[in-house]
Structures are given as C-alpha cells and as structure tokens.
Amino acid sequence: MKNIGFFEEQEGVKSSTRLNSFILLIFYCIFSSCWALAGNLIDSNFIIFSFVILIAVFAPKYLHKLAEIKGLKSD
C-alpha cells in the first residue's frame, strides 16, 4: 500500500480544501496568539468568536466529504 500525503485525497490527487483549512488554521492560531499577547481579554465573546472561526475553518472539508459520500451512495 502506498502512502497518501496529508494534503491528498487519494494517491496523486491533491486536496485544495485540506490545504485551505490548514492555512486558515495557521492564521487563526497566529491571530489568537497576537490577541492574547497584546493584553486583550479572553472573555466569552472571544471564545464564541473563536468557536465560530474554527467551525468556518473545518466545515468546508466536512461538507465536501458528505457530498462525496452521498454521491457514492446514489450511484
């Protein structure tokens, strides 16, 4: 069995959705670190905002996978 890379759906098939999610996650980590280091409060609004951003980062990949599964079942 051949190894499939982290940013690949199948062997040799790159996944731009995974790459975009990873890039957005890195930017979110940088943003939240800068926010905390600047002395801003980590209150309930920031936690809710963080939760919404994390959902937005990973939802496209999840929805893409659901669409693939539904497409496979209808064939």
C-alpha atoms as a PDB file:
ATOM      1  CA  MET A   1       0.000   0.000   0.000  1.00  0.00           C
ATOM      2  CA  LYS A   2       1.380   3.382  -0.976  1.00  0.00           C
ATOM      3  CA  ASN A   3       1.432   6.339   1.391  1.00  0.00           C
ATOM      4  CA  ILE A   4      -1.089   9.089   0.844  1.00  0.00           C
ATOM      5  CA  GLY A   5       0.146  12.572   1.741  1.00  0.00           C
ATOM      6  CA  PHE A   6      -1.581  14.822   4.248  1.00  0.00           C
ATOM      7  CA  PHE A   7      -2.842  17.182   1.529  1.00  0.00           C
ATOM      8  CA  GLU A   8      -4.020  14.404  -0.803  1.00  0.00           C
ATOM      9  CA  GLU A   9      -7.460  12.842  -1.133  1.00  0.00           C
ATOM     10  CA  GLN A  10      -6.101   9.805  -2.928  1.00  0.00           C
ATOM     11  CA  GLU A  11      -2.696   8.941  -4.197  1.00  0.00           C
ATOM     12  CA  GLY A  12      -1.616  11.742  -6.523  1.00  0.00           C
ATOM     13  CA  VAL A  13      -4.856  13.740  -6.080  1.00  0.00           C
ATOM     14  CA  LYS A  14      -4.164  16.981  -4.223  1.00  0.00           C
ATOM     15  CA  SER A  15      -6.834  18.426  -1.936  1.00  0.00           C
ATOM     16  CA  SER A  16      -7.122  22.205  -2.062  1.00  0.00           C
ATOM     17  CA  THR A  17      -9.828  22.090   0.615  1.00  0.00           C
ATOM     18  CA  ARG A  18      -7.428  20.482   3.086  1.00  0.00           C
ATOM     19  CA  LEU A  19      -4.718  22.974   2.183  1.00  0.00           C
ATOM     20  CA  ASN A  20      -7.088  25.931   2.646  1.00  0.00           C
ATOM     21  CA  SER A  21      -8.281  24.588   6.008  1.00  0.00           C
ATOM     22  CA  PHE A  22      -4.689  24.168   7.170  1.00  0.00           C
ATOM     23  CA  ILE A  23      -3.727  27.690   6.084  1.00  0.00           C
ATOM     24  CA  LEU A  24      -6.775  29.188   7.813  1.00  0.00           C
ATOM     25  CA  LEU A  25      -5.990  27.239  10.970  1.00  0.00           C
ATOM     26  CA  ILE A  26      -2.430  28.604  10.991  1.00  0.00           C
ATOM     27  CA  PHE A  27      -3.721  32.162  10.527  1.00  0.00           C
ATOM     28  CA  TYR A  28      -6.244  31.641  13.333  1.00  0.00           C
ATOM     29  CA  CYS A  29      -3.504  30.416  15.683  1.00  0.00           C
ATOM     30  CA  ILE A  30      -1.369  33.465  14.857  1.00  0.00           C
ATOM     31  CA  PHE A  31      -4.333  35.809  15.326  1.00  0.00           C
ATOM     32  CA  SER A  32      -5.361  34.373  18.684  1.00  0.00           C
ATOM     33  CA  SER A  33      -1.760  34.377  19.928  1.00  0.00           C
ATOM     34  CA  CYS A  34      -1.301  38.015  18.939  1.00  0.00           C
ATOM     35  CA  TRP A  35      -4.629  38.859  20.560  1.00  0.00           C
ATOM     36  CA  ALA A  36      -3.590  37.316  23.866  1.00  0.00           C
ATOM     37  CA  LEU A  37      -0.042  38.716  23.800  1.00  0.00           C
ATOM     38  CA  ALA A  38      -1.362  42.239  23.137  1.00  0.00           C
ATOM     39  CA  GLY A  39      -3.009  42.139  26.544  1.00  0.00           C
ATOM     40  CA  ASN A  40      -6.580  41.830  25.336  1.00  0.00           C
ATOM     41  CA  LEU A  41      -9.020  39.953  27.494  1.00  0.00           C
ATOM     42  CA  ILE A  42     -10.023  36.409  26.682  1.00  0.00           C
ATOM     43  CA  ASP A  43     -13.697  36.741  27.541  1.00  0.00           C
ATOM     44  CA  SER A  44     -16.823  34.911  26.464  1.00  0.00           C
ATOM     45  CA  ASN A  45     -17.132  36.973  23.276  1.00  0.00           C
ATOM     46  CA  PHE A  46     -13.636  35.953  22.179  1.00  0.00           C
ATOM     47  CA  ILE A  47     -14.354  32.309  22.960  1.00  0.00           C
ATOM     48  CA  ILE A  48     -17.580  32.374  20.923  1.00  0.00           C
ATOM     49  CA  PHE A  49     -15.771  34.170  18.083  1.00  0.00           C
ATOM     50  CA  SER A  50     -13.022  31.530  18.202  1.00  0.00           C
ATOM     51  CA  PHE A  51     -15.555  28.714  18.098  1.00  0.00           C
ATOM     52  CA  VAL A  52     -17.284  30.239  15.061  1.00  0.00           C
ATOM     53  CA  ILE A  53     -13.960  30.733  13.261  1.00  0.00           C
ATOM     54  CA  LEU A  54     -12.917  27.127  13.929  1.00  0.00           C
ATOM     55  CA  ILE A  55     -16.241  25.869  12.579  1.00  0.00           C
ATOM     56  CA  ALA A  56     -15.734  28.023   9.490  1.00  0.00           C
ATOM     57  CA  VAL A  57     -12.251  26.570   9.026  1.00  0.00           C
ATOM     58  CA  PHE A  58     -13.289  22.916   9.118  1.00  0.00           C
ATOM     59  CA  ALA A  59     -16.885  22.983   7.809  1.00  0.00           C
ATOM     60  CA  PRO A  60     -15.971  23.104   4.090  1.00  0.00           C
ATOM     61  CA  LYS A  61     -13.951  19.882   4.298  1.00  0.00           C
ATOM     62  CA  TYR A  62     -16.720  18.151   6.259  1.00  0.00           C
ATOM     63  CA  LEU A  63     -19.395  19.251   3.782  1.00  0.00           C
ATOM     64  CA  HIS A  64     -17.200  18.194   0.871  1.00  0.00           C
ATOM     65  CA  LYS A  65     -16.791  14.737   2.388  1.00  0.00           C
ATOM     66  CA  LEU A  66     -20.559  14.445   2.985  1.00  0.00           C
ATOM     67  CA  ALA A  67     -21.216  15.359  -0.648  1.00  0.00           C
ATOM     68  CA  GLU A  68     -18.742  12.716  -1.810  1.00  0.00           C
ATOM     69  CA  ILE A  69     -20.366  10.051   0.348  1.00  0.00           C
ATOM     70  CA  LYS A  70     -23.867  10.996  -0.836  1.00  0.00           C
ATOM     71  CA  GLY A  71     -22.626  10.917  -4.435  1.00  0.00           C
ATOM     72  CA  LEU A  72     -21.195   7.449  -3.938  1.00  0.00           C
ATOM     73  CA  LYS A  73     -24.413   6.094  -2.422  1.00  0.00           C
ATOM     74  CA  SER A  74     -26.622   7.396  -5.261  1.00  0.00           C
ATOM     75  CA  ASP A  75     -24.536   5.644  -7.957  1.00  0.00           C
END
